[in-house]
Amino acid sequence: MQLLNVKTFFFNGLIFSVILFFTSINSWSQKSCYLIEDDEKYTYEMIQKDLDSLHKLFPERTNIFTIGESEFGLPLTVLRIGSPIPKKRSLLFVGNVHAREDYSSKFVMKFLNLYLLSFSRDSIIYKKASDYLNDVDLYFLPVANPDGLKIAHENWIGIEKYLPQINEIKRIETFAEWKANGTGIDLNDSFDDSTHSLNRSYNYSPVPCSEGFKGKYPAEPKETKAIQSFVDELKPLMTLSFHTKGDIIYWADSKTHHYFNGIDSLINERALNSSGFSFVPVSPNPATYGGGLENYMRYKLGLLGSCVELSSGDSNRKQFADNQFNTRVWKKAWQIPIICIEEVIKHAMELEEIHTKFKKEK
């Protein structure tokens, strides 16, 4: 009887140890694999480190590379989710085109991180994450404007020598409101979609400025050149460029809307239904809508492009506090990327035909 009790005690202890071990592994996995800083400032260095860590945690699912450098020599880093050999079909997610809008890079990174965790069941938010990769690759450029993000955060590490040059640029309010790149050009007005001579936004500046200067000629900034070269080669069926603020999506313009046979309308309707964002009509005037990455994708490549404005609008140009990100942004917009992935997969063949026809007509 005593021997039986000892065996029972040992067996129960062993079972408890096994349960505790796997519980610890799962807990460790969740804690170590979710890397995104939801509530605090999320700096360029933190994002770079997290991209590298995610690649190391999911080496068979990811590939990491740079597509160029910023004006101050910081890498424009892209992470791809997919199989080892890249697929022809893809989507591209871009953040921080505007410096002060770091909700956008945080959103891109959180989606990227949770998508990867869906493979290991540490997160079940995107249950079909693996299935989508049978059809498309996903590319992520969280920070399109590294210099500007560092300026807005007043994080001068690595760009100290450029501070005198930065201080010479016309500045509206403080560094925290900085919107341009490091040389005072608004990247979102600089893409070569044939509107450069027309486009004059509400905050237009004729000289380099913290916001409103579109550059002397199209695609002047290094960042814009690098991104254009990248998408020209990649040809993603859809590009989402994330910004702040508005809780709206700029999804179509009068020059290109007819190309897409209603696919852009369908995607936008689903995105609005999921997020509660306000409807924006087709943009009618290139003098006000041109120069953005989404415009370049539609007008120069005949591919889908949307500009997603995260968080509600107000009269303050500074972004809301970092600790409000989940309630103001993630809670509303978390389904938008998946909706776009699903619809692009569903309409991939038609979108490829549209792109081919577009190239012939151009």
Foldseek 3Di string as FASTA:
>chain_A
DVVVVVVVVVVVVVVVVVVVVVVVVLVCCLVVLQQFDQAADQAPVSLVVNLVVNCVVCVQFKDKDFLFAFPLGHTQIKMKGAGPDADLAEEEEEEALWQLFLLRLSLLVNLVSLLSVCVVVSHCPPVCSVVLRVQYMYMYRSHLANQLNCQLVVNCVSPVVCVVQQVVFAEDPGSVLQTPHSNQARQFQAAPLPCVVQAFEPQADCGRYSDRDHDPHHPPTRSNVSVVVVCVVSVHQEYEYEGADALEKQWAAPVQPVLQVCLSVVLRVVQCVQQVGDYDDHHYDCRHNDRGPQSCSCRVQVHTYMYGHFFRDDPDSRDPRSNCSCVRGCVRRVCSVVSVSVSCSVCVVVSVVSRVVVVVVD
